[in-house]
PDB file of N, CA and C in Angstrom:
ATOM      1  N   UNK A   1      22.055  49.677 -31.432  1.00  0.00           N
ATOM      2  CA  UNK A   1      22.056  48.292 -31.930  1.00  0.00           C
ATOM      3  C   UNK A   1      21.073  48.078 -32.885  1.00  0.00           C
ATOM      4  N   UNK A   2      21.391  47.467 -33.957  1.00  0.00           N
ATOM      5  CA  UNK A   2      20.082  47.462 -34.974  1.00  0.00           C
ATOM      6  C   UNK A   2      19.242  45.872 -34.565  1.00  0.00           C
ATOM      7  N   UNK A   3      18.125  46.239 -35.081  1.00  0.00           N
ATOM      8  CA  UNK A   3      17.013  45.184 -34.853  1.00  0.00           C
ATOM      9  C   UNK A   3      17.353  44.059 -35.771  1.00  0.00           C
ATOM     10  N   UNK A   4      16.793  42.829 -35.148  1.00  0.00           N
ATOM     11  CA  UNK A   4      16.793  41.685 -35.921  1.00  0.00           C
ATOM     12  C   UNK A   4      15.605  40.914 -35.961  1.00  0.00           C
ATOM     13  N   UNK A   5      15.287  40.223 -37.094  1.00  0.00           N
ATOM     14  CA  UNK A   5      13.979  39.292 -37.145  1.00  0.00           C
ATOM     15  C   UNK A   5      14.236  38.092 -36.506  1.00  0.00           C
ATOM     16  N   UNK A   6      13.373  37.184 -35.883  1.00  0.00           N
ATOM     17  CA  UNK A   6      13.144  36.200 -35.370  1.00  0.00           C
ATOM     18  C   UNK A   6      11.740  35.559 -35.769  1.00  0.00           C
ATOM     19  N   UNK A   7      11.968  34.495 -36.783  1.00  0.00           N
ATOM     20  CA  UNK A   7      10.686  33.663 -37.007  1.00  0.00           C
ATOM     21  C   UNK A   7      10.600  32.697 -36.441  1.00  0.00           C
ATOM     22  N   UNK A   8       9.373  32.418 -35.705  1.00  0.00           N
ATOM     23  CA  UNK A   8       9.037  31.140 -34.999  1.00  0.00           C
ATOM     24  C   UNK A   8       8.093  30.530 -35.772  1.00  0.00           C
ATOM     25  N   UNK A   9       8.204  29.095 -35.619  1.00  0.00           N
ATOM     26  CA  UNK A   9       7.119  28.157 -36.016  1.00  0.00           C
ATOM     27  C   UNK A   9       5.778  28.142 -35.441  1.00  0.00           C
ATOM     28  N   UNK A  10       4.607  28.642 -36.074  1.00  0.00           N
ATOM     29  CA  UNK A  10       3.350  28.916 -35.126  1.00  0.00           C
ATOM     30  C   UNK A  10       3.108  27.393 -34.619  1.00  0.00           C
ATOM     31  N   UNK A  11       3.491  26.469 -35.292  1.00  0.00           N
ATOM     32  CA  UNK A  11       3.031  25.085 -34.578  1.00  0.00           C
ATOM     33  C   UNK A  11       3.875  24.376 -33.523  1.00  0.00           C
ATOM     34  N   UNK A  12       4.727  25.023 -33.139  1.00  0.00           N
ATOM     35  CA  UNK A  12       5.598  24.718 -32.009  1.00  0.00           C
ATOM     36  C   UNK A  12       4.793  24.887 -30.721  1.00  0.00           C
ATOM     37  N   UNK A  13       5.022  23.843 -29.895  1.00  0.00           N
ATOM     38  CA  UNK A  13       4.112  24.059 -28.886  1.00  0.00           C
ATOM     39  C   UNK A  13       5.023  24.974 -27.754  1.00  0.00           C
ATOM     40  N   UNK A  14       6.194  24.797 -27.725  1.00  0.00           N
ATOM     41  CA  UNK A  14       7.022  25.666 -26.757  1.00  0.00           C
ATOM     42  C   UNK A  14       7.578  26.774 -27.607  1.00  0.00           C
ATOM     43  N   UNK A  15       7.086  27.893 -27.116  1.00  0.00           N
ATOM     44  CA  UNK A  15       7.698  29.162 -27.682  1.00  0.00           C
ATOM     45  C   UNK A  15       8.645  29.902 -26.599  1.00  0.00           C
ATOM     46  N   UNK A  16       9.831  30.687 -26.621  1.00  0.00           N
ATOM     47  CA  UNK A  16      10.562  31.218 -25.973  1.00  0.00           C
ATOM     48  C   UNK A  16       9.802  32.172 -25.062  1.00  0.00           C
ATOM     49  N   UNK A  17      10.462  32.496 -24.072  1.00  0.00           N
ATOM     50  CA  UNK A  17       9.750  33.145 -22.861  1.00  0.00           C
ATOM     51  C   UNK A  17      10.402  34.545 -23.148  1.00  0.00           C
ATOM     52  N   UNK A  18      11.674  34.380 -23.407  1.00  0.00           N
ATOM     53  CA  UNK A  18      12.545  35.803 -23.663  1.00  0.00           C
ATOM     54  C   UNK A  18      13.479  35.574 -24.871  1.00  0.00           C
ATOM     55  N   UNK A  19      13.828  36.478 -25.570  1.00  0.00           N
ATOM     56  CA  UNK A  19      14.739  36.722 -26.727  1.00  0.00           C
ATOM     57  C   UNK A  19      15.894  37.516 -26.162  1.00  0.00           C
ATOM     58  N   UNK A  20      17.116  37.309 -26.691  1.00  0.00           N
ATOM     59  CA  UNK A  20      18.361  38.167 -26.079  1.00  0.00           C
ATOM     60  C   UNK A  20      18.002  39.683 -26.703  1.00  0.00           C
ATOM     61  N   UNK A  21      18.061  40.477 -25.974  1.00  0.00           N
ATOM     62  CA  UNK A  21      18.015  41.892 -26.282  1.00  0.00           C
ATOM     63  C   UNK A  21      19.479  42.200 -27.174  1.00  0.00           C
ATOM     64  N   UNK A  22      20.534  41.575 -26.668  1.00  0.00           N
ATOM     65  CA  UNK A  22      21.987  42.133 -27.248  1.00  0.00           C
ATOM     66  C   UNK A  22      22.270  40.705 -27.845  1.00  0.00           C
ATOM     67  N   UNK A  23      22.033  40.220 -28.935  1.00  0.00           N
ATOM     68  CA  UNK A  23      22.647  38.961 -29.464  1.00  0.00           C
ATOM     69  C   UNK A  23      24.147  38.749 -29.249  1.00  0.00           C
ATOM     70  N   UNK A  24      24.515  37.472 -29.154  1.00  0.00           N
ATOM     71  CA  UNK A  24      25.928  37.413 -29.098  1.00  0.00           C
ATOM     72  C   UNK A  24      26.208  36.400 -30.288  1.00  0.00           C
ATOM     73  N   UNK A  25      27.394  36.490 -30.588  1.00  0.00           N
ATOM     74  CA  UNK A  25      27.932  35.491 -31.765  1.00  0.00           C
ATOM     75  C   UNK A  25      28.874  34.384 -31.161  1.00  0.00           C
ATOM     76  N   UNK A  26      28.615  33.151 -31.731  1.00  0.00           N
ATOM     77  CA  UNK A  26      29.368  31.930 -31.352  1.00  0.00           C
ATOM     78  C   UNK A  26      29.931  31.292 -32.465  1.00  0.00           C
ATOM     79  N   UNK A  27      31.001  30.745 -32.706  1.00  0.00           N
ATOM     80  CA  UNK A  27      31.603  29.932 -33.449  1.00  0.00           C
ATOM     81  C   UNK A  27      31.241  28.569 -32.966  1.00  0.00           C
ATOM     82  N   UNK A  28      30.505  27.787 -34.086  1.00  0.00           N
ATOM     83  CA  UNK A  28      29.829  26.574 -33.693  1.00  0.00           C
ATOM     84  C   UNK A  28      30.429  25.340 -34.626  1.00  0.00           C
ATOM     85  N   UNK A  29      30.824  24.215 -33.958  1.00  0.00           N
ATOM     86  CA  UNK A  29      31.306  23.173 -34.988  1.00  0.00           C
ATOM     87  C   UNK A  29      30.315  22.007 -34.587  1.00  0.00           C
ATOM     88  N   UNK A  30      30.179  20.875 -35.353  1.00  0.00           N
ATOM     89  CA  UNK A  30      29.474  19.939 -35.401  1.00  0.00           C
ATOM     90  C   UNK A  30      30.083  18.608 -36.164  1.00  0.00           C
ATOM     91  N   UNK A  31      29.016  17.346 -35.866  1.00  0.00           N
ATOM     92  CA  UNK A  31      29.737  16.310 -36.875  1.00  0.00           C
ATOM     93  C   UNK A  31      28.536  16.208 -37.726  1.00  0.00           C
ATOM     94  N   UNK A  32      28.587  17.146 -38.601  1.00  0.00           N
ATOM     95  CA  UNK A  32      27.819  17.032 -39.717  1.00  0.00           C
ATOM     96  C   UNK A  32      26.511  17.731 -39.789  1.00  0.00           C
ATOM     97  N   UNK A  33      25.529  17.211 -40.774  1.00  0.00           N
ATOM     98  CA  UNK A  33      23.979  17.703 -40.481  1.00  0.00           C
ATOM     99  C   UNK A  33      23.265  16.414 -40.386  1.00  0.00           C
ATOM    100  N   UNK A  34      22.111  16.888 -39.887  1.00  0.00           N
ATOM    101  CA  UNK A  34      21.080  15.992 -39.839  1.00  0.00           C
ATOM    102  C   UNK A  34      19.626  16.618 -40.125  1.00  0.00           C
ATOM    103  N   UNK A  35      18.521  15.721 -40.638  1.00  0.00           N
ATOM    104  CA  UNK A  35      17.484  16.439 -40.768  1.00  0.00           C
ATOM    105  C   UNK A  35      16.355  15.755 -39.819  1.00  0.00           C
ATOM    106  N   UNK A  36      16.148  16.576 -38.818  1.00  0.00           N
ATOM    107  CA  UNK A  36      15.269  15.979 -37.839  1.00  0.00           C
ATOM    108  C   UNK A  36      13.995  15.413 -38.443  1.00  0.00           C
ATOM    109  N   UNK A  37      12.907  14.662 -37.818  1.00  0.00           N
ATOM    110  CA  UNK A  37      11.824  14.054 -38.254  1.00  0.00           C
ATOM    111  C   UNK A  37      10.848  15.094 -38.242  1.00  0.00           C
ATOM    112  N   UNK A  38      10.042  14.952 -39.158  1.00  0.00           N
ATOM    113  CA  UNK A  38       8.828  15.993 -39.531  1.00  0.00           C
ATOM    114  C   UNK A  38       9.219  17.232 -39.552  1.00  0.00           C
ATOM    115  N   UNK A  39      10.290  17.794 -40.131  1.00  0.00           N
ATOM    116  CA  UNK A  39      10.673  19.154 -40.422  1.00  0.00           C
ATOM    117  C   UNK A  39      11.385  19.208 -41.823  1.00  0.00           C
ATOM    118  N   UNK A  40      11.464  20.544 -42.367  1.00  0.00           N
ATOM    119  CA  UNK A  40      12.005  20.517 -43.692  1.00  0.00           C
ATOM    120  C   UNK A  40      13.388  21.355 -43.679  1.00  0.00           C
ATOM    121  N   UNK A  41      13.915  20.995 -42.628  1.00  0.00           N
ATOM    122  CA  UNK A  41      15.345  21.692 -42.447  1.00  0.00           C
ATOM    123  C   UNK A  41      16.429  20.780 -41.922  1.00  0.00           C
ATOM    124  N   UNK A  42      17.648  21.394 -42.016  1.00  0.00           N
ATOM    125  CA  UNK A  42      18.855  20.838 -41.760  1.00  0.00           C
ATOM    126  C   UNK A  42      19.321  21.235 -40.313  1.00  0.00           C
ATOM    127  N   UNK A  43      19.853  20.545 -39.653  1.00  0.00           N
ATOM    128  CA  UNK A  43      20.577  20.931 -38.174  1.00  0.00           C
ATOM    129  C   UNK A  43      21.843  20.521 -38.095  1.00  0.00           C
ATOM    130  N   UNK A  44      22.572  20.936 -37.408  1.00  0.00           N
ATOM    131  CA  UNK A  44      23.797  20.572 -36.971  1.00  0.00           C
ATOM    132  C   UNK A  44      23.854  19.360 -35.947  1.00  0.00           C
ATOM    133  N   UNK A  45      24.514  18.434 -36.397  1.00  0.00           N
ATOM    134  CA  UNK A  45      24.435  17.368 -35.443  1.00  0.00           C
ATOM    135  C   UNK A  45      25.598  17.555 -34.342  1.00  0.00           C
ATOM    136  N   UNK A  46      25.287  17.267 -33.141  1.00  0.00           N
ATOM    137  CA  UNK A  46      26.042  17.528 -31.697  1.00  0.00           C
ATOM    138  C   UNK A  46      26.912  18.646 -31.915  1.00  0.00           C
ATOM    139  N   UNK A  47      26.120  19.870 -32.006  1.00  0.00           N
ATOM    140  CA  UNK A  47      26.901  21.142 -31.890  1.00  0.00           C
ATOM    141  C   UNK A  47      27.778  21.410 -30.737  1.00  0.00           C
ATOM    142  N   UNK A  48      28.729  22.130 -30.804  1.00  0.00           N
ATOM    143  CA  UNK A  48      29.608  22.342 -30.036  1.00  0.00           C
ATOM    144  C   UNK A  48      30.158  23.971 -30.143  1.00  0.00           C
ATOM    145  N   UNK A  49      29.882  24.713 -29.029  1.00  0.00           N
ATOM    146  CA  UNK A  49      30.637  26.029 -29.067  1.00  0.00           C
ATOM    147  C   UNK A  49      32.132  26.098 -28.843  1.00  0.00           C
ATOM    148  N   UNK A  50      32.794  26.681 -29.873  1.00  0.00           N
ATOM    149  CA  UNK A  50      34.316  26.926 -29.720  1.00  0.00           C
ATOM    150  C   UNK A  50      34.714  28.151 -29.372  1.00  0.00           C
ATOM    151  N   UNK A  51      33.829  29.249 -29.534  1.00  0.00           N
ATOM    152  CA  UNK A  51      34.209  30.383 -29.150  1.00  0.00           C
ATOM    153  C   UNK A  51      33.155  31.461 -29.167  1.00  0.00           C
ATOM    154  N   UNK A  52      33.365  32.286 -28.189  1.00  0.00           N
ATOM    155  CA  UNK A  52      32.222  33.515 -28.157  1.00  0.00           C
ATOM    156  C   UNK A  52      32.944  34.674 -28.582  1.00  0.00           C
ATOM    157  N   UNK A  53      32.234  35.334 -29.983  1.00  0.00           N
ATOM    158  CA  UNK A  53      32.703  36.383 -30.470  1.00  0.00           C
ATOM    159  C   UNK A  53      32.219  37.660 -30.099  1.00  0.00           C
ATOM    160  N   UNK A  54      32.594  38.320 -29.135  1.00  0.00           N
ATOM    161  CA  UNK A  54      32.057  39.497 -28.481  1.00  0.00           C
ATOM    162  C   UNK A  54      32.472  40.645 -29.538  1.00  0.00           C
ATOM    163  N   UNK A  55      33.334  40.790 -30.353  1.00  0.00           N
ATOM    164  CA  UNK A  55      33.661  41.985 -31.201  1.00  0.00           C
ATOM    165  C   UNK A  55      32.824  41.906 -32.856  1.00  0.00           C
ATOM    166  N   UNK A  56      31.861  40.977 -32.803  1.00  0.00           N
ATOM    167  CA  UNK A  56      31.182  40.922 -33.789  1.00  0.00           C
ATOM    168  C   UNK A  56      29.770  40.984 -33.717  1.00  0.00           C
ATOM    169  N   UNK A  57      28.977  41.545 -34.772  1.00  0.00           N
ATOM    170  CA  UNK A  57      27.555  41.686 -34.695  1.00  0.00           C
ATOM    171  C   UNK A  57      26.847  40.325 -35.471  1.00  0.00           C
ATOM    172  N   UNK A  58      25.645  40.229 -35.106  1.00  0.00           N
ATOM    173  CA  UNK A  58      24.939  39.138 -35.802  1.00  0.00           C
ATOM    174  C   UNK A  58      24.901  39.425 -37.471  1.00  0.00           C
ATOM    175  N   UNK A  59      25.083  40.605 -37.860  1.00  0.00           N
ATOM    176  CA  UNK A  59      25.157  40.761 -39.228  1.00  0.00           C
ATOM    177  C   UNK A  59      26.244  40.216 -40.060  1.00  0.00           C
ATOM    178  N   UNK A  60      27.337  39.743 -39.157  1.00  0.00           N
ATOM    179  CA  UNK A  60      28.468  39.107 -39.868  1.00  0.00           C
ATOM    180  C   UNK A  60      28.378  37.539 -39.744  1.00  0.00           C
ATOM    181  N   UNK A  61      27.274  36.979 -39.289  1.00  0.00           N
ATOM    182  CA  UNK A  61      26.770  35.681 -39.304  1.00  0.00           C
ATOM    183  C   UNK A  61      26.452  35.285 -40.705  1.00  0.00           C
ATOM    184  N   UNK A  62      26.356  34.016 -40.846  1.00  0.00           N
ATOM    185  CA  UNK A  62      25.566  33.259 -41.961  1.00  0.00           C
ATOM    186  C   UNK A  62      24.029  33.241 -41.635  1.00  0.00           C
ATOM    187  N   UNK A  63      23.265  33.246 -42.801  1.00  0.00           N
ATOM    188  CA  UNK A  63      21.808  33.101 -42.680  1.00  0.00           C
ATOM    189  C   UNK A  63      21.338  31.647 -42.740  1.00  0.00           C
ATOM    190  N   UNK A  64      19.845  31.461 -42.338  1.00  0.00           N
ATOM    191  CA  UNK A  64      19.676  30.263 -42.320  1.00  0.00           C
ATOM    192  C   UNK A  64      19.450  29.401 -43.699  1.00  0.00           C
ATOM    193  N   UNK A  65      19.400  30.481 -44.573  1.00  0.00           N
ATOM    194  CA  UNK A  65      19.319  29.849 -46.110  1.00  0.00           C
ATOM    195  C   UNK A  65      20.645  29.297 -46.412  1.00  0.00           C
ATOM    196  N   UNK A  66      21.686  30.266 -45.992  1.00  0.00           N
ATOM    197  CA  UNK A  66      23.213  29.863 -46.283  1.00  0.00           C
ATOM    198  C   UNK A  66      23.574  28.399 -45.381  1.00  0.00           C
ATOM    199  N   UNK A  67      23.119  28.419 -44.254  1.00  0.00           N
ATOM    200  CA  UNK A  67      23.268  27.101 -43.398  1.00  0.00           C
ATOM    201  C   UNK A  67      22.665  26.065 -44.228  1.00  0.00           C
ATOM    202  N   UNK A  68      21.302  26.111 -44.637  1.00  0.00           N
ATOM    203  CA  UNK A  68      20.875  25.100 -45.433  1.00  0.00           C
ATOM    204  C   UNK A  68      21.667  24.546 -46.818  1.00  0.00           C
ATOM    205  N   UNK A  69      22.139  25.694 -47.291  1.00  0.00           N
ATOM    206  CA  UNK A  69      22.795  25.438 -48.823  1.00  0.00           C
ATOM    207  C   UNK A  69      24.315  24.610 -48.288  1.00  0.00           C
ATOM    208  N   UNK A  70      24.936  24.918 -47.116  1.00  0.00           N
ATOM    209  CA  UNK A  70      26.097  24.473 -46.603  1.00  0.00           C
ATOM    210  C   UNK A  70      25.744  22.883 -46.498  1.00  0.00           C
ATOM    211  N   UNK A  71      24.675  22.751 -45.751  1.00  0.00           N
ATOM    212  CA  UNK A  71      24.257  21.347 -45.311  1.00  0.00           C
ATOM    213  C   UNK A  71      23.983  20.368 -46.518  1.00  0.00           C
ATOM    214  N   UNK A  72      23.334  20.919 -47.533  1.00  0.00           N
ATOM    215  CA  UNK A  72      23.082  20.461 -48.741  1.00  0.00           C
ATOM    216  C   UNK A  72      24.404  20.094 -49.531  1.00  0.00           C
ATOM    217  N   UNK A  73      25.392  20.893 -49.536  1.00  0.00           N
ATOM    218  CA  UNK A  73      26.788  20.532 -50.183  1.00  0.00           C
ATOM    219  C   UNK A  73      27.393  19.510 -49.474  1.00  0.00           C
ATOM    220  N   UNK A  74      27.208  19.694 -48.097  1.00  0.00           N
ATOM    221  CA  UNK A  74      27.967  18.332 -47.315  1.00  0.00           C
ATOM    222  C   UNK A  74      27.453  17.100 -47.343  1.00  0.00           C
ATOM    223  N   UNK A  75      26.143  17.093 -47.710  1.00  0.00           N
ATOM    224  CA  UNK A  75      25.538  15.856 -47.723  1.00  0.00           C
ATOM    225  C   UNK A  75      25.595  15.209 -49.032  1.00  0.00           C
ATOM    226  N   UNK A  76      25.803  15.957 -50.396  1.00  0.00           N
ATOM    227  CA  UNK A  76      25.883  15.482 -51.598  1.00  0.00           C
ATOM    228  C   UNK A  76      27.280  14.833 -51.630  1.00  0.00           C
ATOM    229  N   UNK A  77      27.059  13.563 -52.670  1.00  0.00           N
ATOM    230  CA  UNK A  77      28.199  12.749 -52.821  1.00  0.00           C
ATOM    231  C   UNK A  77      29.091  13.444 -53.980  1.00  0.00           C
ATOM    232  N   UNK A  78      30.537  13.841 -53.979  1.00  0.00           N
ATOM    233  CA  UNK A  78      30.873  14.705 -55.075  1.00  0.00           C
ATOM    234  C   UNK A  78      31.274  13.313 -56.004  1.00  0.00           C
ATOM    235  N   UNK A  79      31.636  13.810 -57.440  1.00  0.00           N
ATOM    236  CA  UNK A  79      31.480  12.817 -58.452  1.00  0.00           C
ATOM    237  C   UNK A  79      32.871  12.039 -58.138  1.00  0.00           C
ATOM    238  N   UNK A  80      33.902  12.971 -57.873  1.00  0.00           N
ATOM    239  CA  UNK A  80      35.345  12.214 -57.829  1.00  0.00           C
ATOM    240  C   UNK A  80      35.459  11.264 -56.708  1.00  0.00           C
ATOM    241  N   UNK A  81      34.511  11.440 -55.612  1.00  0.00           N
ATOM    242  CA  UNK A  81      34.371  10.463 -54.326  1.00  0.00           C
ATOM    243  C   UNK A  81      33.931   9.145 -54.992  1.00  0.00           C
ATOM    244  N   UNK A  82      32.974   9.117 -55.956  1.00  0.00           N
ATOM    245  CA  UNK A  82      32.507   8.049 -56.277  1.00  0.00           C
ATOM    246  C   UNK A  82      33.437   7.113 -56.944  1.00  0.00           C
ATOM    247  N   UNK A  83      34.362   7.748 -57.777  1.00  0.00           N
ATOM    248  CA  UNK A  83      35.184   7.353 -58.827  1.00  0.00           C
ATOM    249  C   UNK A  83      36.269   6.720 -57.790  1.00  0.00           C
ATOM    250  N   UNK A  84      36.709   7.399 -56.919  1.00  0.00           N
ATOM    251  CA  UNK A  84      37.772   7.089 -55.756  1.00  0.00           C
ATOM    252  C   UNK A  84      37.326   5.723 -55.087  1.00  0.00           C
ATOM    253  N   UNK A  85      36.200   5.755 -54.806  1.00  0.00           N
ATOM    254  CA  UNK A  85      35.805   4.575 -54.163  1.00  0.00           C
ATOM    255  C   UNK A  85      35.636   3.356 -55.131  1.00  0.00           C
ATOM    256  N   UNK A  86      35.272   3.447 -56.267  1.00  0.00           N
ATOM    257  CA  UNK A  86      35.235   2.343 -57.402  1.00  0.00           C
ATOM    258  C   UNK A  86      36.587   1.834 -57.469  1.00  0.00           C
ATOM    259  N   UNK A  87      37.471   3.006 -57.647  1.00  0.00           N
ATOM    260  CA  UNK A  87      39.024   2.439 -57.887  1.00  0.00           C
ATOM    261  C   UNK A  87      39.505   1.651 -56.546  1.00  0.00           C
ATOM    262  N   UNK A  88      39.292   1.967 -55.313  1.00  0.00           N
ATOM    263  CA  UNK A  88      39.525   1.286 -54.229  1.00  0.00           C
ATOM    264  C   UNK A  88      39.203  -0.084 -54.318  1.00  0.00           C
ATOM    265  N   UNK A  89      37.629  -0.225 -54.648  1.00  0.00           N
ATOM    266  CA  UNK A  89      37.159  -1.638 -54.846  1.00  0.00           C
ATOM    267  C   UNK A  89      37.822  -2.412 -55.594  1.00  0.00           C
ATOM    268  N   UNK A  90      38.221  -2.063 -56.839  1.00  0.00           N
ATOM    269  CA  UNK A  90      38.972  -2.576 -57.859  1.00  0.00           C
ATOM    270  C   UNK A  90      40.292  -3.342 -57.281  1.00  0.00           C
ATOM    271  N   UNK A  91      40.866  -2.135 -56.637  1.00  0.00           N
ATOM    272  CA  UNK A  91      42.114  -2.568 -56.170  1.00  0.00           C
ATOM    273  C   UNK A  91      42.040  -3.760 -55.143  1.00  0.00           C
ATOM    274  N   UNK A  92      41.068  -3.536 -54.154  1.00  0.00           N
ATOM    275  CA  UNK A  92      41.050  -4.537 -52.904  1.00  0.00           C
ATOM    276  C   UNK A  92      40.440  -6.013 -53.394  1.00  0.00           C
ATOM    277  N   UNK A  93      39.708  -5.813 -54.628  1.00  0.00           N
ATOM    278  CA  UNK A  93      39.197  -6.963 -55.091  1.00  0.00           C
ATOM    279  C   UNK A  93      40.375  -7.938 -55.773  1.00  0.00           C
ATOM    280  N   UNK A  94      41.217  -7.004 -56.534  1.00  0.00           N
ATOM    281  CA  UNK A  94      42.211  -7.791 -57.178  1.00  0.00           C
ATOM    282  C   UNK A  94      43.541  -8.309 -56.057  1.00  0.00           C
ATOM    283  N   UNK A  95      43.373  -7.820 -54.973  1.00  0.00           N
ATOM    284  CA  UNK A  95      44.554  -8.095 -53.942  1.00  0.00           C
ATOM    285  C   UNK A  95      44.326  -9.458 -53.524  1.00  0.00           C
ATOM    286  N   UNK A  96      45.478 -10.336 -53.484  1.00  0.00           N
ATOM    287  CA  UNK A  96      45.436 -11.815 -52.868  1.00  0.00           C
ATOM    288  C   UNK A  96      46.671 -11.716 -51.979  1.00  0.00           C
ATOM    289  N   UNK A  97      46.087 -12.146 -50.710  1.00  0.00           N
ATOM    290  CA  UNK A  97      46.975 -12.415 -49.751  1.00  0.00           C
ATOM    291  C   UNK A  97      47.499 -13.908 -49.607  1.00  0.00           C
ATOM    292  N   UNK A  98      48.697 -14.238 -49.685  1.00  0.00           N
ATOM    293  CA  UNK A  98      49.053 -15.592 -49.296  1.00  0.00           C
ATOM    294  C   UNK A  98      48.733 -15.984 -47.769  1.00  0.00           C
ATOM    295  N   UNK A  99      47.943 -17.281 -47.896  1.00  0.00           N
ATOM    296  CA  UNK A  99      47.407 -17.616 -46.406  1.00  0.00           C
ATOM    297  C   UNK A  99      48.307 -18.929 -45.859  1.00  0.00           C
ATOM    298  N   UNK A 100      48.820 -18.937 -44.742  1.00  0.00           N
ATOM    299  CA  UNK A 100      49.499 -19.902 -44.376  1.00  0.00           C
ATOM    300  C   UNK A 100      48.493 -21.052 -43.871  1.00  0.00           C
ATOM    301  N   UNK A 101      48.123 -21.923 -44.307  1.00  0.00           N
ATOM    302  CA  UNK A 101      47.184 -23.044 -43.954  1.00  0.00           C
ATOM    303  C   UNK A 101      47.422 -23.719 -42.861  1.00  0.00           C
ATOM    304  N   UNK A 102      48.787 -23.718 -42.443  1.00  0.00           N
ATOM    305  CA  UNK A 102      49.247 -24.978 -41.227  1.00  0.00           C
ATOM    306  C   UNK A 102      48.746 -24.056 -40.083  1.00  0.00           C
ATOM    307  N   UNK A 103      48.535 -22.616 -39.993  1.00  0.00           N
ATOM    308  CA  UNK A 103      48.633 -21.756 -38.866  1.00  0.00           C
ATOM    309  C   UNK A 103      46.966 -21.557 -38.716  1.00  0.00           C
ATOM    310  N   UNK A 104      46.200 -21.853 -39.881  1.00  0.00           N
ATOM    311  CA  UNK A 104      44.630 -21.238 -39.719  1.00  0.00           C
ATOM    312  C   UNK A 104      43.867 -22.802 -39.736  1.00  0.00           C
ATOM    313  N   UNK A 105      44.135 -23.809 -40.140  1.00  0.00           N
ATOM    314  CA  UNK A 105      43.295 -24.826 -40.097  1.00  0.00           C
ATOM    315  C   UNK A 105      43.278 -25.550 -38.785  1.00  0.00           C
ATOM    316  N   UNK A 106      41.969 -25.948 -38.532  1.00  0.00           N
ATOM    317  CA  UNK A 106      41.520 -26.623 -37.489  1.00  0.00           C
ATOM    318  C   UNK A 106      41.863 -28.133 -37.226  1.00  0.00           C
ATOM    319  N   UNK A 107      42.343 -28.700 -36.202  1.00  0.00           N
ATOM    320  CA  UNK A 107      42.814 -29.967 -36.077  1.00  0.00           C
ATOM    321  C   UNK A 107      41.423 -31.068 -36.489  1.00  0.00           C
ATOM    322  N   UNK A 108      41.958 -32.026 -36.981  1.00  0.00           N
ATOM    323  CA  UNK A 108      40.679 -32.850 -37.471  1.00  0.00           C
ATOM    324  C   UNK A 108      40.375 -33.686 -36.272  1.00  0.00           C
ATOM    325  N   UNK A 109      39.011 -34.353 -36.225  1.00  0.00           N
ATOM    326  CA  UNK A 109      38.500 -34.811 -35.311  1.00  0.00           C
ATOM    327  C   UNK A 109      39.259 -35.983 -34.512  1.00  0.00           C
ATOM    328  N   UNK A 110      40.008 -36.788 -35.444  1.00  0.00           N
ATOM    329  CA  UNK A 110      40.700 -38.035 -35.094  1.00  0.00           C
ATOM    330  C   UNK A 110      41.942 -37.627 -34.130  1.00  0.00           C
ATOM    331  N   UNK A 111      42.508 -36.463 -34.550  1.00  0.00           N
ATOM    332  CA  UNK A 111      43.843 -35.833 -33.878  1.00  0.00           C
ATOM    333  C   UNK A 111      43.559 -35.700 -32.476  1.00  0.00           C
ATOM    334  N   UNK A 112      42.219 -35.313 -32.168  1.00  0.00           N
ATOM    335  CA  UNK A 112      41.949 -34.690 -30.759  1.00  0.00           C
ATOM    336  C   UNK A 112      41.308 -35.963 -29.849  1.00  0.00           C
ATOM    337  N   UNK A 113      41.998 -36.071 -28.787  1.00  0.00           N
ATOM    338  CA  UNK A 113      41.461 -37.129 -27.870  1.00  0.00           C
ATOM    339  C   UNK A 113      40.751 -36.499 -26.559  1.00  0.00           C
ATOM    340  N   UNK A 114      40.277 -37.243 -25.944  1.00  0.00           N
ATOM    341  CA  UNK A 114      39.526 -36.806 -24.683  1.00  0.00           C
ATOM    342  C   UNK A 114      40.771 -36.107 -23.555  1.00  0.00           C
ATOM    343  N   UNK A 115      41.750 -36.742 -23.690  1.00  0.00           N
ATOM    344  CA  UNK A 115      42.998 -36.234 -23.026  1.00  0.00           C
ATOM    345  C   UNK A 115      43.351 -34.663 -23.178  1.00  0.00           C
ATOM    346  N   UNK A 116      43.060 -34.422 -24.682  1.00  0.00           N
ATOM    347  CA  UNK A 116      43.458 -33.260 -24.932  1.00  0.00           C
ATOM    348  C   UNK A 116      42.606 -32.093 -24.233  1.00  0.00           C
ATOM    349  N   UNK A 117      41.280 -32.501 -24.270  1.00  0.00           N
ATOM    350  CA  UNK A 117      40.192 -31.605 -23.544  1.00  0.00           C
ATOM    351  C   UNK A 117      40.418 -31.208 -22.383  1.00  0.00           C
TER     352      UNK A 117
END
C-alpha cells in the first residue's frame, strides 16, 4: 500500500491519537459548502456518507485543493443566474391580480353590534 501524507494544523488543540493504516474511500454528499469561523478553508455542510468504496485507492480521490476550488465555484453566482433573477422580478412586478374586494374587506364599525360578538 502506498504512503499518504496527512498535514495537521499545529495550532489545533486536539490532535488525532491514531490515523488509519489502510485508508478507506467514501462517497460523500452535503448541503453546500460553508467556511467555519477563524479558518481559511471551506467545509462541506451536513456531510453524509453515501457509499464506502472498498475497490478504490485514496489516489482516486480529489485533493483538498480541488475540494476548495469546487467550493469556490459552487458559491459563485453565475452571470446568467443574475439575469434570470432580474427577468423574474420584472415579470412579477408587472403582474396584476384582480382582487375581489367584497371577500377581503373588513366590516365597518357601525355594521358590527355587540350581539354579533
